Amino acid sequence: MRVLNQRAVLDRLRRGGPATRPQIAKDTGLSKPTVGQALLDLEQHRLVRPIGRTTAGPGRSAMVYEVNPAAGHVLGVDIGRQRIRVAVADLAGSVIARVDERNRCRTAGALVRTVRDLAVRTVSDAGLSLDEMVVKVVGTPGVPRDRTLLHAPNLPGWERPGLLDELETLLGPDLVVENDANLAAVGERAYGAARGVDVFVHVTVGTGIGMGIVVDGQLFRGAHGAAGEVGYLPYPSDVDSTGGAGAVGGAGGVGAAGSAGGVGSSRGRLESAVAAEAVVEAARSAGLGVKSARDVFALARGGDPKALDVVRDEAERLAFVVASVAAVIDPELVVLGGGIGGNTDLLGPPLAEALGRLTPLAPRIAAGELGDGAVLSGAVAMGLAAARDLVFDRRGAVTL
């Protein structure tokens, strides 16, 4: 019972912020003496701390308590094709150290070692060590399954057996490896555009394409962890600005979306049609001398008619993705992110127009608020959700 009381008090401080003993008693339904004992136990184990006094009435004051943010720390890592981002956060969610560097690794082994070096550097900047991280969450392309990453073609060698074991050996225990698109969805729900939304998807479009799905407020991974691998959607070549709704119907409508987790001969067809390389190739075919998708959107933002045509075609292809997903999941919101998806100012109008032709089930579309920090924010948020309970359990709360 004493541990349950401690947990109830700690949960109240986590959810509602700093409070006095009378406030906690009122909010939890516990008696003031019970709350007082729980606070004493929690303070002894450095899980809560007093932060001052407040006037509770004429001539009276009460001590204000908060969760001790220094009671534990989490490590978040975002491994991307272009960049590697690492952050250390305390239990209040405040990032106290961060590193962001270009990914120059050409082999999986080099990438694992680089991640470890950056992690050590980041925790050192925070005045801590890897051993002091309660939970470590790594976001990466691919689907973790049976200690192996599947469907991660954009990172050379990243699918080889034993790689996750190597990563855990170098980073230490309590390591969670999660799909980066899933973490982007977690990040946007915790800190960004999807706050308070219980059914939504986050579509990341950049070097590749991925989708994180949240249903009833929980991350949905599917039976084999591959839910949201929309890069494997079969993509009909006749879905374009002239095909309209008939093109999606020809692709099978709900049937196309339902095969999102499938592979076979359609492997990567949608990703090949929608991701950055396709945008660059389309621009070059139109006579634009561009080196990257960023160049294409910069030209479009400046009013270049050829670049605007390329952007409109990209919006048409994304509309096929959204329409397919909407028919299966019925999300309240679709959040767009990534190096391409983040250009909602340009993609939004033609995307909405195309959706109007393709489906009556068009959900609300919004730009991600976290930008290229979405995956890292999601890693921190997922780490905090696990660490807060682990810290309570490991501190050996008083039970006598």
Protein backbone atom coordinates (compact mmCIF):
# COMPACT_ATOMS: atom_id res chain seq x y z
CA MET A 1 0.00 0.00 0.00
CA ARG A 2 2.81 2.39 0.85
CA VAL A 3 4.38 1.93 -2.58
CA LEU A 4 1.00 2.51 -4.25
CA ASN A 5 0.63 5.77 -2.33
CA GLN A 6 4.09 6.86 -3.40
CA ARG A 7 3.30 6.09 -7.02
CA ALA A 8 -0.02 7.97 -6.81
CA VAL A 9 1.75 11.05 -5.44
CA LEU A 10 4.53 10.82 -8.02
CA ASP A 11 2.03 10.42 -10.86
CA ARG A 12 0.14 13.49 -9.66
CA LEU A 13 3.31 15.59 -9.70
CA ARG A 14 4.23 14.29 -13.16
CA ARG A 15 0.82 15.05 -14.65
CA GLY A 16 -0.09 18.22 -12.85
CA GLY A 17 3.26 19.83 -12.08
CA PRO A 18 4.49 21.25 -8.77
CA ALA A 19 2.00 21.12 -5.89
CA THR A 20 1.66 21.35 -2.13
CA ARG A 21 0.70 18.49 0.17
CA PRO A 22 -2.93 19.74 0.49
CA GLN A 23 -3.20 20.07 -3.30
CA ILE A 24 -1.88 16.56 -3.82
CA ALA A 25 -4.24 15.17 -1.16
CA LYS A 26 -7.20 16.83 -2.87
CA ASP A 27 -6.23 15.61 -6.34
CA THR A 28 -5.42 12.01 -5.34
CA GLY A 29 -8.05 11.44 -2.65
CA LEU A 30 -5.34 10.42 -0.17
CA SER A 31 -5.23 11.83 3.35
CA LYS A 32 -2.75 14.60 4.14
CA PRO A 33 -0.72 12.37 6.52
CA THR A 34 -0.52 9.69 3.83
CA VAL A 35 0.63 12.23 1.27
CA GLY A 36 3.14 13.61 3.75
CA GLN A 37 4.67 10.18 4.34
CA ALA A 38 4.78 9.44 0.62
CA LEU A 39 6.53 12.76 -0.05
CA LEU A 40 9.05 12.01 2.69
CA ASP A 41 9.79 8.58 1.19
CA LEU A 42 10.08 9.98 -2.32
CA GLU A 43 12.32 12.82 -1.18
CA GLN A 44 14.63 10.39 0.64
CA HIS A 45 15.02 8.48 -2.60
CA ARG A 46 15.61 11.75 -4.54
CA LEU A 47 12.53 11.22 -6.70
CA VAL A 48 10.89 14.50 -5.64
CA ARG A 49 12.30 17.71 -4.23
CA PRO A 50 10.95 20.79 -2.46
CA ILE A 51 11.22 23.99 -4.50
CA GLY A 52 9.94 26.61 -2.06
CA ARG A 53 6.91 27.64 -0.09
CA THR A 54 3.64 29.22 -1.03
CA THR A 55 1.08 31.08 1.04
CA ALA A 56 -1.84 28.79 1.77
CA GLY A 57 -3.85 31.25 3.86
CA PRO A 58 -3.49 34.09 6.35
CA GLY A 59 -0.21 33.57 8.16
CA ARG A 60 0.25 30.07 6.76
CA SER A 61 2.47 28.62 4.05
CA ALA A 62 2.97 25.20 2.51
CA MET A 63 5.96 23.52 0.90
CA VAL A 64 5.76 23.04 -2.86
CA TYR A 65 7.15 19.80 -4.33
CA GLU A 66 8.08 18.77 -7.84
CA VAL A 67 9.44 15.67 -9.53
CA ASN A 68 13.23 15.74 -9.30
CA PRO A 69 14.36 16.04 -12.94
CA ALA A 70 17.87 14.88 -12.03
CA ALA A 71 16.60 11.52 -10.71
CA GLY A 72 17.39 9.95 -14.07
CA HIS A 73 18.36 10.68 -17.66
CA VAL A 74 17.58 9.21 -21.07
CA LEU A 75 19.58 9.06 -24.27
CA GLY A 76 17.90 9.62 -27.63
CA VAL A 77 19.58 8.86 -30.97
CA ASP A 78 18.38 9.55 -34.51
CA ILE A 79 20.35 7.67 -37.17
CA GLY A 80 19.56 9.12 -40.56
CA ARG A 81 21.08 8.68 -43.99
CA GLN A 82 22.31 12.27 -43.94
CA ARG A 83 22.75 13.12 -40.25
CA ILE A 84 23.14 11.55 -36.81
CA ARG A 85 21.54 13.37 -33.88
CA VAL A 86 22.00 12.55 -30.21
CA ALA A 87 20.45 14.11 -27.10
CA VAL A 88 20.43 13.60 -23.34
CA ALA A 89 17.33 14.66 -21.43
CA ASP A 90 16.42 14.69 -17.75
CA LEU A 91 13.17 13.27 -16.37
CA ALA A 92 11.43 16.61 -16.88
CA GLY A 93 12.09 16.26 -20.59
CA SER A 94 14.64 19.08 -20.72
CA VAL A 95 17.45 18.42 -23.19
CA ILE A 96 20.71 19.13 -21.38
CA ALA A 97 23.15 18.10 -24.13
CA ARG A 98 22.83 17.57 -27.87
CA VAL A 99 25.08 16.69 -30.82
CA ASP A 100 24.16 16.90 -34.49
CA GLU A 101 26.66 15.73 -37.12
CA ARG A 102 26.71 14.69 -40.74
CA ASN A 103 26.64 10.93 -41.39
CA ARG A 104 29.79 10.21 -43.40
CA CYS A 105 29.86 6.47 -42.68
CA ARG A 106 30.06 4.08 -45.61
CA THR A 107 29.76 0.81 -43.72
CA ALA A 108 27.47 -0.46 -41.01
CA GLY A 109 30.41 -1.12 -38.68
CA ALA A 110 31.66 2.43 -39.02
CA LEU A 111 28.16 3.74 -38.38
CA VAL A 112 27.76 1.71 -35.17
CA ARG A 113 31.09 3.00 -33.87
CA THR A 114 30.24 6.57 -34.81
CA VAL A 115 26.92 6.37 -32.99
CA ARG A 116 28.71 5.08 -29.91
CA ASP A 117 31.34 7.85 -30.06
CA LEU A 118 28.69 10.55 -30.44
CA ALA A 119 26.67 9.05 -27.58
CA VAL A 120 29.70 9.07 -25.28
CA ARG A 121 30.48 12.65 -26.27
CA THR A 122 26.93 13.81 -25.65
CA VAL A 123 26.56 12.22 -22.22
CA SER A 124 30.00 13.60 -21.32
CA ASP A 125 28.83 17.08 -22.32
CA ALA A 126 25.95 16.55 -19.87
CA GLY A 127 28.40 15.62 -17.12
CA LEU A 128 27.23 12.02 -17.14
CA SER A 129 28.21 8.59 -18.49
CA LEU A 130 26.47 5.99 -20.62
CA ASP A 131 26.03 3.81 -17.54
CA GLU A 132 23.89 6.55 -15.96
CA MET A 133 21.36 6.55 -18.81
CA VAL A 134 18.21 4.85 -17.55
CA VAL A 135 16.95 4.13 -21.08
CA LYS A 136 18.54 4.57 -24.49
CA VAL A 137 16.26 4.87 -27.53
CA VAL A 138 17.70 4.67 -31.04
CA GLY A 139 15.63 5.69 -34.05
CA THR A 140 16.65 4.18 -37.37
CA PRO A 141 15.24 3.38 -40.79
CA GLY A 142 13.98 -0.18 -40.95
CA VAL A 143 11.87 -2.56 -38.91
CA PRO A 144 13.52 -4.23 -35.89
CA ARG A 145 12.58 -7.91 -35.80
CA ASP A 146 14.31 -10.86 -34.13
CA ARG A 147 17.42 -8.79 -33.34
CA THR A 148 17.74 -7.76 -37.00
CA LEU A 149 16.71 -4.69 -38.96
CA LEU A 150 14.60 -5.29 -42.05
CA HIS A 151 13.65 -2.91 -44.88
CA ALA A 152 16.53 -0.43 -44.37
CA PRO A 153 18.05 -0.16 -47.87
CA ASN A 154 19.12 3.47 -47.47
CA LEU A 155 21.83 2.56 -44.92
CA PRO A 156 24.40 0.20 -46.50
CA GLY A 157 24.86 -3.01 -44.52
CA TRP A 158 22.33 -1.97 -41.91
CA GLU A 159 20.26 -5.12 -42.36
CA ARG A 160 23.04 -7.60 -41.61
CA PRO A 161 22.49 -10.10 -38.78
CA GLY A 162 24.08 -9.24 -35.46
CA LEU A 163 24.12 -5.49 -35.99
CA LEU A 164 21.65 -4.72 -33.21
CA ASP A 165 23.66 -6.90 -30.85
CA GLU A 166 26.76 -4.86 -31.70
CA LEU A 167 24.86 -1.66 -31.06
CA GLU A 168 23.70 -2.90 -27.66
CA THR A 169 27.19 -4.08 -26.76
CA LEU A 170 28.60 -0.61 -27.42
CA LEU A 171 25.75 1.44 -25.95
CA GLY A 172 24.93 -0.84 -23.03
CA PRO A 173 21.75 -2.47 -21.71
CA ASP A 174 18.25 -0.96 -21.61
CA LEU A 175 18.51 -0.16 -25.31
CA VAL A 176 15.36 0.29 -27.39
CA VAL A 177 15.65 0.34 -31.19
CA GLU A 178 12.61 1.81 -32.92
CA ASN A 179 11.64 2.68 -36.48
CA ASP A 180 12.36 6.35 -37.17
CA ALA A 181 8.95 7.08 -38.72
CA ASN A 182 7.28 5.69 -35.60
CA LEU A 183 9.40 7.94 -33.41
CA ALA A 184 8.56 10.97 -35.53
CA ALA A 185 4.88 10.26 -34.82
CA VAL A 186 5.61 9.89 -31.10
CA GLY A 187 7.52 13.17 -31.14
CA GLU A 188 4.78 15.12 -32.92
CA ARG A 189 2.17 13.78 -30.50
CA ALA A 190 4.26 14.62 -27.44
CA TYR A 191 5.56 18.03 -28.50
CA GLY A 192 4.25 19.02 -31.91
CA ALA A 193 1.39 19.16 -34.39
CA ALA A 194 -0.47 16.06 -33.12
CA ARG A 195 -0.78 17.00 -29.45
CA GLY A 196 -4.13 15.79 -28.15
CA VAL A 197 -4.89 13.79 -31.31
CA ASP A 198 -5.56 10.09 -30.67
CA VAL A 199 -5.82 8.78 -34.25
CA PHE A 200 -3.35 10.16 -36.76
CA VAL A 201 -0.47 9.26 -39.04
CA HIS A 202 2.86 10.96 -39.55
CA VAL A 203 4.21 10.64 -43.09
CA THR A 204 7.93 11.30 -43.47
CA VAL A 205 9.08 11.96 -47.02
CA GLY A 206 12.76 12.52 -47.68
CA THR A 207 15.47 10.11 -48.81
CA GLY A 208 12.76 7.48 -48.41
CA ILE A 209 9.18 7.45 -47.23
CA GLY A 210 7.80 6.09 -43.98
CA MET A 211 4.74 6.42 -41.81
CA GLY A 212 4.11 6.24 -38.09
CA ILE A 213 0.59 5.29 -37.02
CA VAL A 214 -1.06 6.25 -33.73
CA VAL A 215 -4.41 4.65 -32.86
CA ASP A 216 -6.24 5.38 -29.61
CA GLY A 217 -3.21 7.35 -28.47
CA GLN A 218 -0.85 4.39 -28.85
CA LEU A 219 1.79 3.64 -31.46
CA PHE A 220 0.52 0.93 -33.80
CA ARG A 221 3.23 -1.38 -35.16
CA GLY A 222 1.20 -4.23 -36.66
CA ALA A 223 1.71 -7.97 -36.27
CA HIS A 224 5.34 -7.93 -37.42
CA GLY A 225 6.35 -4.33 -36.70
CA ALA A 226 5.94 -3.28 -40.34
CA ALA A 227 2.77 -1.17 -40.07
CA GLY A 228 3.44 2.10 -41.84
CA GLU A 229 5.98 0.76 -44.34
CA VAL A 230 4.12 2.61 -47.09
CA GLY A 231 7.19 2.57 -49.32
CA TYR A 232 5.99 -0.90 -50.31
CA LEU A 233 2.57 0.25 -51.46
CA PRO A 234 2.05 -0.80 -55.09
CA TYR A 235 2.11 2.43 -57.04
CA PRO A 236 0.05 2.62 -60.27
CA SER A 237 1.89 4.38 -63.06
CA ASP A 238 -1.34 6.02 -64.21
CA VAL A 239 -1.89 8.01 -61.00
CA ASP A 240 -1.19 11.51 -62.17
CA SER A 241 -2.89 14.85 -62.59
CA THR A 242 -5.07 13.46 -65.39
CA GLY A 243 -5.84 10.09 -63.79
CA GLY A 244 -7.78 11.41 -60.83
CA ALA A 245 -9.97 9.15 -58.77
CA GLY A 246 -10.21 6.57 -61.53
CA ALA A 247 -6.49 5.89 -61.20
CA VAL A 248 -6.77 5.11 -57.51
CA GLY A 249 -9.77 2.92 -58.21
CA GLY A 250 -7.70 1.06 -60.77
CA ALA A 251 -5.00 0.51 -58.15
CA GLY A 252 -7.48 -1.22 -55.92
CA GLY A 253 -8.40 1.60 -53.52
CA VAL A 254 -8.64 -0.03 -50.12
CA GLY A 255 -6.88 -3.09 -51.48
CA ALA A 256 -3.80 -1.03 -52.31
CA ALA A 257 -3.61 0.44 -48.83
CA GLY A 258 -4.22 -2.91 -47.26
CA SER A 259 -1.04 -4.25 -48.82
CA ALA A 260 1.16 -1.67 -47.12
CA GLY A 261 3.02 -4.36 -45.24
CA GLY A 262 3.51 -6.55 -48.29
CA VAL A 263 6.64 -7.04 -50.30
CA GLY A 264 6.96 -9.22 -53.37
CA SER A 265 7.35 -7.73 -56.83
CA SER A 266 6.04 -4.30 -55.77
CA ARG A 267 8.88 -3.78 -53.29
CA GLY A 268 9.70 -0.09 -53.09
CA ARG A 269 7.51 1.04 -55.99
CA LEU A 270 5.90 3.88 -54.09
CA GLU A 271 9.15 4.94 -52.46
CA SER A 272 10.81 5.02 -55.86
CA ALA A 273 8.04 7.27 -57.15
CA VAL A 274 7.75 9.69 -54.21
CA ALA A 275 11.10 10.04 -52.42
CA ALA A 276 13.81 12.65 -53.03
CA GLU A 277 15.58 10.91 -55.89
CA ALA A 278 12.36 10.82 -57.92
CA VAL A 279 11.82 14.55 -57.39
CA VAL A 280 15.35 15.32 -58.57
CA GLU A 281 15.01 13.06 -61.62
CA ALA A 282 11.70 14.68 -62.58
CA ALA A 283 13.24 18.14 -62.29
CA ARG A 284 16.22 17.19 -64.43
CA SER A 285 13.90 15.67 -67.03
CA ALA A 286 12.14 19.04 -67.12
CA GLY A 287 15.45 20.75 -67.88
CA LEU A 288 16.31 22.02 -64.40
CA GLY A 289 19.94 21.80 -63.35
CA VAL A 290 19.36 20.76 -59.74
CA LYS A 291 21.47 18.69 -57.38
CA SER A 292 18.88 17.96 -54.69
CA ALA A 293 15.19 18.04 -53.90
CA ARG A 294 15.90 21.09 -51.76
CA ASP A 295 17.02 22.91 -54.92
CA VAL A 296 13.73 22.01 -56.60
CA PHE A 297 11.61 23.43 -53.79
CA ALA A 298 13.78 26.54 -53.59
CA LEU A 299 13.18 27.19 -57.29
CA ALA A 300 9.45 26.55 -56.86
CA ARG A 301 9.35 28.96 -53.94
CA GLY A 302 10.91 31.53 -56.26
CA GLY A 303 8.16 30.99 -58.82
CA ASP A 304 9.98 28.84 -61.40
CA PRO A 305 7.17 27.30 -63.51
CA LYS A 306 9.00 24.02 -64.23
CA ALA A 307 9.81 23.51 -60.56
CA LEU A 308 6.21 24.29 -59.63
CA ASP A 309 5.07 21.59 -62.08
CA VAL A 310 7.41 19.08 -60.42
CA VAL A 311 6.07 20.03 -56.98
CA ARG A 312 2.48 19.66 -58.18
CA ASP A 313 3.25 16.19 -59.54
CA GLU A 314 4.82 15.24 -56.22
CA ALA A 315 1.69 16.45 -54.41
CA GLU A 316 -0.41 14.23 -56.72
CA ARG A 317 1.67 11.20 -55.74
CA LEU A 318 1.42 12.06 -52.04
CA ALA A 319 -2.34 12.40 -52.45
CA PHE A 320 -2.42 8.76 -53.54
CA VAL A 321 -0.63 7.81 -50.30
CA VAL A 322 -2.98 9.84 -48.11
CA ALA A 323 -6.10 8.59 -49.90
CA SER A 324 -5.00 4.96 -49.54
CA VAL A 325 -4.20 5.37 -45.85
CA ALA A 326 -7.42 7.26 -45.16
CA ALA A 327 -9.48 4.39 -46.58
CA VAL A 328 -7.93 1.94 -44.11
CA ILE A 329 -7.10 3.89 -40.95
CA ASP A 330 -9.49 6.88 -41.11
CA PRO A 331 -7.05 9.21 -39.33
CA GLU A 332 -8.21 12.50 -37.90
CA LEU A 333 -4.94 14.09 -38.98
CA VAL A 334 -2.07 13.48 -41.38
CA VAL A 335 1.17 15.18 -40.32
CA LEU A 336 3.73 15.68 -43.08
CA GLY A 337 7.44 15.82 -42.30
CA GLY A 338 10.86 15.13 -43.74
CA GLY A 339 13.00 17.01 -46.22
CA ILE A 340 10.23 16.87 -48.84
CA GLY A 341 7.08 16.48 -46.74
CA GLY A 342 8.03 19.50 -44.66
CA ASN A 343 7.39 21.80 -47.66
CA THR A 344 3.68 21.96 -46.93
CA ASP A 345 3.45 25.60 -48.01
CA LEU A 346 4.05 24.42 -51.58
CA LEU A 347 2.64 20.90 -51.42
CA GLY A 348 -0.49 21.73 -49.44
CA PRO A 349 -2.74 23.38 -52.06
CA PRO A 350 -2.17 20.86 -54.90
CA LEU A 351 -2.33 18.01 -52.36
CA ALA A 352 -5.72 19.18 -51.09
CA GLU A 353 -6.97 19.61 -54.66
CA ALA A 354 -5.86 16.10 -55.62
CA LEU A 355 -7.40 14.58 -52.50
CA GLY A 356 -10.68 16.24 -53.37
CA ARG A 357 -10.69 14.29 -56.63
CA LEU A 358 -9.43 11.02 -55.20
CA THR A 359 -11.52 10.42 -52.09
CA PRO A 360 -14.40 11.70 -49.95
CA LEU A 361 -12.41 10.56 -46.88
CA ALA A 362 -9.75 13.27 -46.97
CA PRO A 363 -8.37 13.92 -43.46
CA ARG A 364 -6.93 17.17 -42.18
CA ILE A 365 -3.35 17.78 -43.33
CA ALA A 366 -0.82 19.63 -41.19
CA ALA A 367 2.88 20.37 -41.34
CA GLY A 368 5.01 18.81 -38.64
CA GLU A 369 6.10 21.34 -36.04
CA LEU A 370 9.35 19.65 -35.05
CA GLY A 371 11.12 19.68 -38.40
CA ASP A 372 14.24 17.53 -38.57
CA GLY A 373 14.10 17.09 -34.79
CA ALA A 374 10.94 14.95 -34.83
CA VAL A 375 12.67 11.56 -34.62
CA LEU A 376 15.02 12.69 -31.84
CA SER A 377 12.13 14.24 -29.91
CA GLY A 378 10.22 10.98 -30.26
CA ALA A 379 13.21 9.00 -29.01
CA VAL A 380 13.40 11.23 -25.93
CA ALA A 381 9.64 11.01 -25.33
CA MET A 382 9.63 7.21 -25.62
CA GLY A 383 12.65 6.98 -23.34
CA LEU A 384 11.03 9.18 -20.72
CA ALA A 385 7.84 7.11 -20.70
CA ALA A 386 9.87 4.02 -19.82
CA ALA A 387 12.46 5.67 -17.60
CA ARG A 388 10.06 7.28 -15.16
CA ASP A 389 8.72 3.92 -14.00
CA LEU A 390 12.15 2.30 -14.06
CA VAL A 391 13.62 5.02 -11.88
CA PHE A 392 10.84 4.55 -9.33
CA ASP A 393 11.39 0.78 -9.26
CA ARG A 394 15.17 0.98 -9.06
CA ARG A 395 15.33 3.59 -6.35
CA GLY A 396 13.80 1.00 -4.01
CA ALA A 397 10.89 3.06 -2.71
CA VAL A 398 10.21 2.46 1.01
CA THR A 399 7.72 -0.36 1.57
CA LEU A 400 7.83 -0.77 5.35
